[in-house]
């Protein structure tokens, strides 16, 4: 889901050298020696009871920033800070238990810590707890409660919550569908530089939802998000460049953007990149690379990639894939199972040319497929020497 962000990674990022001898906590009874490292100064301040230092030290251990990653140490320091009602510590503990980052997932503890932070009106915790209510994770699903929490967070200009409210109004989750309100919330979040909202706002313009269709504006917002590494924006922007829609046609730029998104695991970009290599569009023609990228997309359940792989194995592709009716049938069967009419037609024609034994083998192969993996037979298949 593109909008209901599951937990905000807002680990406290206080500077590691700025907290010794200041802030809340016990007096600095034994000041650190001159020339002591920033980490030692931070550790000294945390030991003396400075809750901000405890939060920052816990963040270092949680992320492995400058020290070995150590989740129990992070939790221990955050619990000390949370005992002093440090809201960042409460929120971080909630996120740690919700994600199961270095500790077993414990949704009850996550909810408890988030609620404590929400009681102090922490906008990130309000958003996180809102997500849990929206999706029924750790609490009974309650969209009204989620909206209430998002609104409180968004009122503090928290970009994640603003984006989530946009999604709520766009998809009529517990409210009447209102594209105008969706666009308004997406824009508020996007103007703060939040890439997920920039993508969503661009998508509204690209689809003409609640506004005139304007692919030039879509491209502008997707360019902002792509510059921040948003894979969906890179994928959408690549499509606009490949078609010359809202931007000047540039297939080389399209392929470059798809490569960036594909490397992040974006299935549509992987498919588009595979097709680009097959056609030599924006990149040199390379059927082996085409097959490899189509396999990655197909492994994620991308129906067109599954169909294309199946069609490729029907007759074989020189330098990339040998003729293999069993593998062809298996991929086409998976695509047909998702309702792809072209795959169903091709599978029916192919079945008439196969032996009963081959059909049974192909059906077993497709039924054993696990999302995230390519078909076992395909993984071992060498490139064609045709």
Protein backbone atom coordinates (compact mmCIF):
# COMPACT_ATOMS: atom_id res chain seq x y z
CA UNK A 1 0.00 0.00 0.00
CA UNK A 2 1.39 3.29 -1.02
CA UNK A 3 -0.10 5.59 1.59
CA UNK A 4 -0.66 3.91 4.93
CA UNK A 5 2.93 4.04 6.00
CA UNK A 6 3.66 1.21 8.43
CA UNK A 7 5.58 2.86 11.20
CA UNK A 8 7.79 5.86 10.94
CA UNK A 9 11.54 5.26 11.41
CA UNK A 10 12.05 8.33 13.60
CA UNK A 11 14.88 7.16 15.82
CA UNK A 12 16.18 10.08 17.85
CA UNK A 13 19.07 11.70 16.01
CA UNK A 14 20.56 13.98 18.64
CA UNK A 15 24.18 14.85 18.04
CA UNK A 16 26.42 12.51 19.99
CA UNK A 17 28.67 15.25 21.32
CA UNK A 18 26.15 17.88 22.32
CA UNK A 19 24.44 16.46 25.37
CA UNK A 20 27.09 15.93 28.03
CA UNK A 21 26.46 18.04 31.09
CA UNK A 22 23.15 19.52 29.83
CA UNK A 23 19.46 18.72 29.69
CA UNK A 24 17.42 16.71 32.15
CA UNK A 25 18.76 14.18 34.61
CA UNK A 26 21.15 13.97 37.51
CA UNK A 27 23.90 16.54 38.10
CA UNK A 28 27.15 15.99 36.25
CA UNK A 29 29.02 14.69 39.31
CA UNK A 30 32.04 13.45 37.41
CA UNK A 31 32.57 15.42 34.22
CA UNK A 32 34.22 13.60 31.29
CA UNK A 33 37.90 14.18 30.82
CA UNK A 34 39.09 16.76 28.31
CA UNK A 35 39.66 15.23 24.88
CA UNK A 36 37.28 12.36 25.55
CA UNK A 37 35.52 10.98 22.46
CA UNK A 38 32.02 12.22 21.55
CA UNK A 39 30.65 8.74 22.23
CA UNK A 40 32.24 8.67 25.68
CA UNK A 41 30.76 12.10 26.43
CA UNK A 42 27.35 10.91 25.33
CA UNK A 43 27.64 7.71 27.35
CA UNK A 44 28.71 9.74 30.38
CA UNK A 45 25.69 12.03 30.05
CA UNK A 46 23.38 9.03 29.66
CA UNK A 47 24.88 7.35 32.70
CA UNK A 48 24.30 10.54 34.68
CA UNK A 49 20.59 10.31 33.86
CA UNK A 50 20.26 12.70 30.95
CA UNK A 51 17.20 11.29 29.17
CA UNK A 52 17.99 12.97 25.83
CA UNK A 53 21.44 11.41 25.91
CA UNK A 54 19.88 8.05 26.75
CA UNK A 55 17.60 8.35 23.71
CA UNK A 56 20.50 9.29 21.45
CA UNK A 57 22.70 6.50 22.80
CA UNK A 58 19.89 4.00 22.30
CA UNK A 59 19.53 5.20 18.70
CA UNK A 60 23.23 4.53 18.06
CA UNK A 61 22.87 0.99 19.36
CA UNK A 62 19.61 0.45 17.45
CA UNK A 63 21.12 1.50 14.11
CA UNK A 64 24.70 0.33 14.63
CA UNK A 65 25.94 3.85 13.99
CA UNK A 66 29.54 3.93 15.21
CA UNK A 67 28.96 0.99 17.55
CA UNK A 68 28.01 -2.66 17.05
CA UNK A 69 24.26 -2.95 16.56
CA UNK A 70 22.74 -4.03 19.86
CA UNK A 71 18.96 -4.01 20.17
CA UNK A 72 18.85 -5.03 23.87
CA UNK A 73 21.18 -2.15 24.72
CA UNK A 74 19.01 0.25 22.72
CA UNK A 75 15.90 -0.90 24.56
CA UNK A 76 17.61 -0.67 27.93
CA UNK A 77 18.62 2.95 27.34
CA UNK A 78 15.23 3.89 25.94
CA UNK A 79 13.45 2.30 28.90
CA UNK A 80 15.56 4.44 31.23
CA UNK A 81 14.58 7.55 29.25
CA UNK A 82 10.93 6.48 29.03
CA UNK A 83 10.85 6.15 32.81
CA UNK A 84 11.46 9.92 32.78
CA UNK A 85 8.57 10.39 30.33
CA UNK A 86 10.87 11.10 27.40
CA UNK A 87 8.46 10.97 24.49
CA UNK A 88 11.08 10.08 21.87
CA UNK A 89 12.05 7.04 23.93
CA UNK A 90 8.41 5.96 24.23
CA UNK A 91 7.91 6.27 20.49
CA UNK A 92 11.16 4.48 19.65
CA UNK A 93 10.26 1.58 21.92
CA UNK A 94 6.91 1.31 20.18
CA UNK A 95 8.57 1.19 16.78
CA UNK A 96 11.18 -1.32 17.94
CA UNK A 97 8.54 -3.78 19.17
CA UNK A 98 6.23 -3.18 16.21
CA UNK A 99 8.97 -3.86 13.65
CA UNK A 100 10.65 -6.65 15.58
CA UNK A 101 13.95 -4.96 14.81
CA UNK A 102 16.45 -7.02 16.79
CA UNK A 103 13.74 -8.19 19.19
CA UNK A 104 10.69 -10.42 18.78
CA UNK A 105 7.63 -8.57 17.49
CA UNK A 106 5.41 -7.68 20.43
CA UNK A 107 2.39 -5.70 19.26
CA UNK A 108 0.95 -5.37 22.76
CA UNK A 109 4.12 -3.62 23.92
CA UNK A 110 4.18 -1.53 20.75
CA UNK A 111 0.63 -0.31 21.36
CA UNK A 112 1.37 0.40 25.01
CA UNK A 113 4.41 2.55 24.21
CA UNK A 114 2.69 4.34 21.34
CA UNK A 115 -0.23 5.20 23.60
CA UNK A 116 2.12 6.69 26.16
CA UNK A 117 3.73 8.84 23.46
CA UNK A 118 0.33 9.80 22.06
CA UNK A 119 -0.66 10.98 25.54
CA UNK A 120 2.14 13.53 25.13
CA UNK A 121 0.82 14.47 21.66
CA UNK A 122 3.80 13.08 19.76
CA UNK A 123 2.85 13.35 16.05
CA UNK A 124 4.91 10.37 14.89
CA UNK A 125 3.35 8.12 17.52
CA UNK A 126 -0.11 9.42 16.62
CA UNK A 127 0.55 8.40 13.02
CA UNK A 128 1.98 5.01 13.99
CA UNK A 129 -0.93 4.15 16.26
CA UNK A 130 -3.27 5.40 13.54
CA UNK A 131 -1.75 2.92 11.11
CA UNK A 132 -2.28 0.11 13.61
CA UNK A 133 -5.96 1.03 13.95
CA UNK A 134 -6.37 1.48 10.19
CA UNK A 135 -4.99 -1.98 9.47
CA UNK A 136 -6.15 -3.79 12.61
CA UNK A 137 -2.59 -4.59 13.70
CA UNK A 138 -2.32 -5.24 17.44
CA UNK A 139 -5.71 -3.58 18.00
CA UNK A 140 -9.21 -4.12 16.62
CA UNK A 141 -9.56 -2.37 13.26
CA UNK A 142 -11.11 1.05 13.82
CA UNK A 143 -10.86 3.43 10.86
CA UNK A 144 -12.58 6.24 12.77
CA UNK A 145 -9.94 6.05 15.48
CA UNK A 146 -7.22 5.96 12.83
CA UNK A 147 -8.61 9.09 11.19
CA UNK A 148 -8.79 10.85 14.55
CA UNK A 149 -5.13 10.06 15.21
CA UNK A 150 -4.05 11.04 11.69
CA UNK A 151 -5.85 14.36 12.04
CA UNK A 152 -4.10 15.12 15.33
CA UNK A 153 -0.74 14.26 13.78
CA UNK A 154 -1.45 16.14 10.57
CA UNK A 155 -2.45 19.23 12.57
CA UNK A 156 1.16 19.26 13.73
CA UNK A 157 2.26 19.16 10.07
CA UNK A 158 3.49 15.58 10.28
CA UNK A 159 3.97 14.62 6.62
CA UNK A 160 3.27 10.87 6.97
CA UNK A 161 -0.12 11.55 8.56
CA UNK A 162 -1.02 14.17 5.96
CA UNK A 163 -0.26 11.65 3.24
CA UNK A 164 -2.29 8.97 5.03
CA UNK A 165 -5.29 11.28 5.23
CA UNK A 166 -4.95 11.84 1.49
CA UNK A 167 -5.12 8.08 0.98
CA UNK A 168 -8.14 7.81 3.29
CA UNK A 169 -10.09 10.37 1.26
CA UNK A 170 -8.96 9.03 -2.10
CA UNK A 171 -9.99 5.47 -1.33
CA UNK A 172 -13.04 6.20 0.85
CA UNK A 173 -11.64 4.42 3.88
CA UNK A 174 -14.23 5.26 6.55
CA UNK A 175 -15.18 8.55 4.86
CA UNK A 176 -16.91 9.60 1.67
CA UNK A 177 -14.55 9.61 -1.30
CA UNK A 178 -13.33 13.16 -1.79
CA UNK A 179 -10.59 13.61 -4.40
CA UNK A 180 -10.33 17.33 -3.65
CA UNK A 181 -9.52 16.65 0.01
CA UNK A 182 -7.16 13.85 -1.01
CA UNK A 183 -5.25 16.20 -3.29
CA UNK A 184 -5.16 18.87 -0.59
CA UNK A 185 -3.63 16.50 1.97
CA UNK A 186 -1.21 14.99 -0.54
CA UNK A 187 -0.11 18.49 -1.52
CA UNK A 188 0.47 19.54 2.11
CA UNK A 189 2.66 16.51 2.63
CA UNK A 190 4.38 16.80 -0.74
CA UNK A 191 5.25 20.45 -0.11
CA UNK A 192 7.24 19.26 2.90
CA UNK A 193 9.33 17.08 0.60
CA UNK A 194 7.72 13.75 1.51
CA UNK A 195 8.36 11.48 -1.52
CA UNK A 196 5.42 9.14 -0.93
CA UNK A 197 3.02 12.09 -1.09
CA UNK A 198 4.83 13.53 -4.10
CA UNK A 199 4.27 10.23 -5.87
CA UNK A 200 0.60 10.12 -4.86
CA UNK A 201 0.01 13.71 -5.94
CA UNK A 202 1.71 13.03 -9.27
CA UNK A 203 -0.47 9.95 -9.70
CA UNK A 204 -3.62 12.02 -9.17
CA UNK A 205 -2.53 14.35 -11.97
CA UNK A 206 -1.51 11.43 -14.20
CA UNK A 207 -4.89 9.73 -13.75
CA UNK A 208 -6.99 12.88 -13.68
CA UNK A 209 -8.55 12.02 -10.32
CA UNK A 210 -10.18 15.10 -8.80
CA UNK A 211 -8.37 17.35 -11.24
CA UNK A 212 -7.75 17.76 -14.95
CA UNK A 213 -5.38 15.15 -16.28
CA UNK A 214 -1.98 16.81 -16.49
CA UNK A 215 0.99 14.54 -17.12
CA UNK A 216 3.37 17.53 -17.16
CA UNK A 217 2.45 18.24 -13.51
CA UNK A 218 2.66 14.53 -12.75
CA UNK A 219 6.19 14.52 -14.18
CA UNK A 220 7.16 17.52 -12.06
CA UNK A 221 6.09 15.85 -8.82
CA UNK A 222 7.58 12.50 -9.79
CA UNK A 223 10.88 14.19 -10.62
CA UNK A 224 11.00 15.59 -7.09
CA UNK A 225 10.28 12.19 -5.56
CA UNK A 226 12.63 10.36 -7.95
CA UNK A 227 15.42 12.69 -6.88
CA UNK A 228 14.83 11.32 -3.36
CA UNK A 229 15.00 7.73 -4.61
CA UNK A 230 11.29 6.89 -4.66
CA UNK A 231 11.02 3.75 -6.80
CA UNK A 232 7.37 4.19 -7.79
CA UNK A 233 8.06 7.73 -9.00
CA UNK A 234 11.08 6.53 -10.95
CA UNK A 235 8.89 3.91 -12.57
CA UNK A 236 6.07 6.30 -13.47
CA UNK A 237 8.45 8.97 -14.70
CA UNK A 238 10.22 6.40 -16.84
CA UNK A 239 6.92 5.52 -18.49
CA UNK A 240 6.26 9.20 -19.29
CA UNK A 241 9.74 9.52 -20.84
CA UNK A 242 9.27 6.33 -22.85
CA UNK A 243 6.02 7.69 -24.32
CA UNK A 244 6.93 11.36 -24.53
CA UNK A 245 3.89 12.12 -22.37
CA UNK A 246 4.24 15.37 -20.42
CA UNK A 247 7.97 15.38 -21.10
CA UNK A 248 10.13 15.15 -24.20
CA UNK A 249 10.48 11.51 -25.27
CA UNK A 250 13.77 10.05 -24.08
CA UNK A 251 14.05 6.26 -24.02
CA UNK A 252 17.56 6.39 -22.57
CA UNK A 253 16.31 8.36 -19.58
CA UNK A 254 13.36 5.98 -19.26
CA UNK A 255 15.69 2.99 -19.09
CA UNK A 256 17.94 4.78 -16.58
CA UNK A 257 15.00 5.48 -14.28
CA UNK A 258 13.72 1.92 -14.57
CA UNK A 259 17.17 0.60 -13.68
CA UNK A 260 17.13 2.67 -10.49
CA UNK A 261 13.65 1.49 -9.55
CA UNK A 262 14.28 -2.12 -10.58
CA UNK A 263 17.33 -2.26 -8.33
CA UNK A 264 14.98 -1.38 -5.45
CA UNK A 265 12.73 -4.31 -6.34
CA UNK A 266 9.94 -2.40 -8.11
CA UNK A 267 8.25 -5.10 -10.19
CA UNK A 268 6.80 -2.84 -12.89
CA UNK A 269 10.21 -1.26 -13.44
CA UNK A 270 11.81 -4.70 -13.64
CA UNK A 271 9.29 -5.69 -16.29
CA UNK A 272 9.78 -2.47 -18.26
CA UNK A 273 13.53 -2.83 -18.09
CA UNK A 274 13.30 -6.41 -19.30
CA UNK A 275 11.23 -5.28 -22.28
CA UNK A 276 13.74 -2.47 -22.93
CA UNK A 277 16.60 -4.98 -23.14
CA UNK A 278 14.52 -7.26 -25.36
CA UNK A 279 13.79 -4.40 -27.78
CA UNK A 280 17.08 -2.55 -27.45
CA UNK A 281 15.16 0.54 -26.38
CA UNK A 282 17.34 2.95 -24.40
CA UNK A 283 19.84 0.16 -23.73
CA UNK A 284 21.74 -2.24 -26.01
CA UNK A 285 19.64 -5.28 -26.93
CA UNK A 286 20.50 -8.11 -24.56
CA UNK A 287 18.10 -11.05 -24.37
CA UNK A 288 19.87 -12.63 -21.42
CA UNK A 289 19.42 -9.45 -19.36
CA UNK A 290 15.85 -9.19 -20.61
CA UNK A 291 15.11 -12.67 -19.34
CA UNK A 292 16.80 -11.98 -15.99
CA UNK A 293 14.73 -8.84 -15.33
CA UNK A 294 11.51 -10.51 -16.47
CA UNK A 295 12.25 -13.36 -14.05
CA UNK A 296 12.63 -10.89 -11.17
CA UNK A 297 9.31 -9.25 -12.01
CA UNK A 298 7.56 -12.59 -12.56
CA UNK A 299 8.80 -13.82 -9.20
CA UNK A 300 6.83 -10.96 -7.62
CA UNK A 301 3.69 -12.03 -9.45
CA UNK A 302 3.85 -9.49 -12.27
CA UNK A 303 1.37 -10.98 -14.69
CA UNK A 304 2.79 -9.51 -17.92
CA UNK A 305 6.27 -10.71 -16.99
CA UNK A 306 4.95 -14.21 -16.37
CA UNK A 307 3.13 -14.17 -19.70
CA UNK A 308 6.17 -12.88 -21.61
CA UNK A 309 8.44 -15.49 -20.08
CA UNK A 310 5.95 -18.17 -21.02
CA UNK A 311 5.72 -16.94 -24.59
CA UNK A 312 9.50 -16.78 -24.80
CA UNK A 313 9.84 -20.44 -23.88
CA UNK A 314 7.20 -21.55 -26.40
CA UNK A 315 9.59 -21.13 -29.31
CA UNK A 316 12.81 -20.22 -27.52
CA UNK A 317 14.85 -17.03 -27.77
CA UNK A 318 18.36 -17.21 -29.18
CA UNK A 319 20.97 -16.36 -26.60
CA UNK A 320 18.46 -16.17 -23.77
CA UNK A 321 16.08 -19.10 -23.44
CA UNK A 322 15.74 -22.50 -25.10
CA UNK A 323 12.44 -23.89 -26.27
CA UNK A 324 10.79 -25.51 -23.26
CA UNK A 325 7.07 -26.29 -23.41
CA UNK A 326 6.89 -27.37 -19.76
CA UNK A 327 8.36 -24.10 -18.51
CA UNK A 328 6.31 -22.13 -21.04
CA UNK A 329 3.10 -23.77 -19.85
CA UNK A 330 3.97 -23.24 -16.17
CA UNK A 331 4.56 -19.48 -16.56
CA UNK A 332 1.48 -19.08 -18.78
CA UNK A 333 -0.54 -21.03 -16.25
CA UNK A 334 0.46 -18.62 -13.49
CA UNK A 335 -0.46 -15.62 -15.61
CA UNK A 336 -3.75 -17.20 -16.67
CA UNK A 337 -4.51 -17.84 -13.01
CA UNK A 338 -4.44 -14.07 -12.53
CA UNK A 339 -7.02 -13.63 -15.25
CA UNK A 340 -4.71 -12.81 -18.15
CA UNK A 341 -6.68 -13.66 -21.29
CA UNK A 342 -3.66 -13.70 -23.62
CA UNK A 343 -1.86 -16.15 -21.37
CA UNK A 344 -4.93 -18.37 -21.18
CA UNK A 345 -5.24 -18.46 -24.97
CA UNK A 346 -1.52 -19.20 -25.45
CA UNK A 347 -1.62 -21.93 -22.79
CA UNK A 348 -4.60 -23.59 -24.49
CA UNK A 349 -2.83 -23.63 -27.86
CA UNK A 350 0.38 -24.92 -26.28
CA UNK A 351 -1.41 -27.67 -24.37
CA UNK A 352 -2.61 -29.14 -27.65
CA UNK A 353 1.02 -29.65 -28.68
CA UNK A 354 2.20 -31.24 -25.41
CA UNK A 355 2.07 -34.79 -24.15
CA UNK A 356 -0.12 -35.54 -21.10
CA UNK A 357 3.02 -36.20 -19.09
CA UNK A 358 4.42 -32.77 -19.96
CA UNK A 359 1.16 -31.07 -18.99
CA UNK A 360 1.10 -32.79 -15.61
CA UNK A 361 4.74 -31.83 -15.02
CA UNK A 362 4.03 -28.20 -15.94
CA UNK A 363 0.98 -28.04 -13.69
CA UNK A 364 3.00 -29.40 -10.76
CA UNK A 365 5.71 -26.86 -11.47
CA UNK A 366 3.32 -23.91 -11.40
CA UNK A 367 1.42 -25.19 -8.36
CA UNK A 368 4.68 -25.38 -6.40
CA UNK A 369 5.58 -21.76 -7.18
CA UNK A 370 6.13 -19.51 -4.16
CA UNK A 371 5.84 -15.74 -4.56
CA UNK A 372 9.29 -14.18 -4.41
CA UNK A 373 10.90 -17.05 -6.31
CA UNK A 374 11.20 -17.91 -9.96
CA UNK A 375 10.07 -21.35 -11.05
CA UNK A 376 12.58 -23.97 -9.94
CA UNK A 377 13.04 -25.34 -13.45
CA UNK A 378 13.64 -21.80 -14.78
CA UNK A 379 16.35 -21.08 -12.21
CA UNK A 380 18.42 -23.97 -13.55
CA UNK A 381 17.76 -23.24 -17.21
CA UNK A 382 20.89 -22.23 -19.19
CA UNK A 383 20.73 -19.60 -21.95
CA UNK A 384 19.85 -20.91 -25.38
CA UNK A 385 22.68 -21.68 -27.79
CA UNK A 386 20.31 -21.41 -30.77
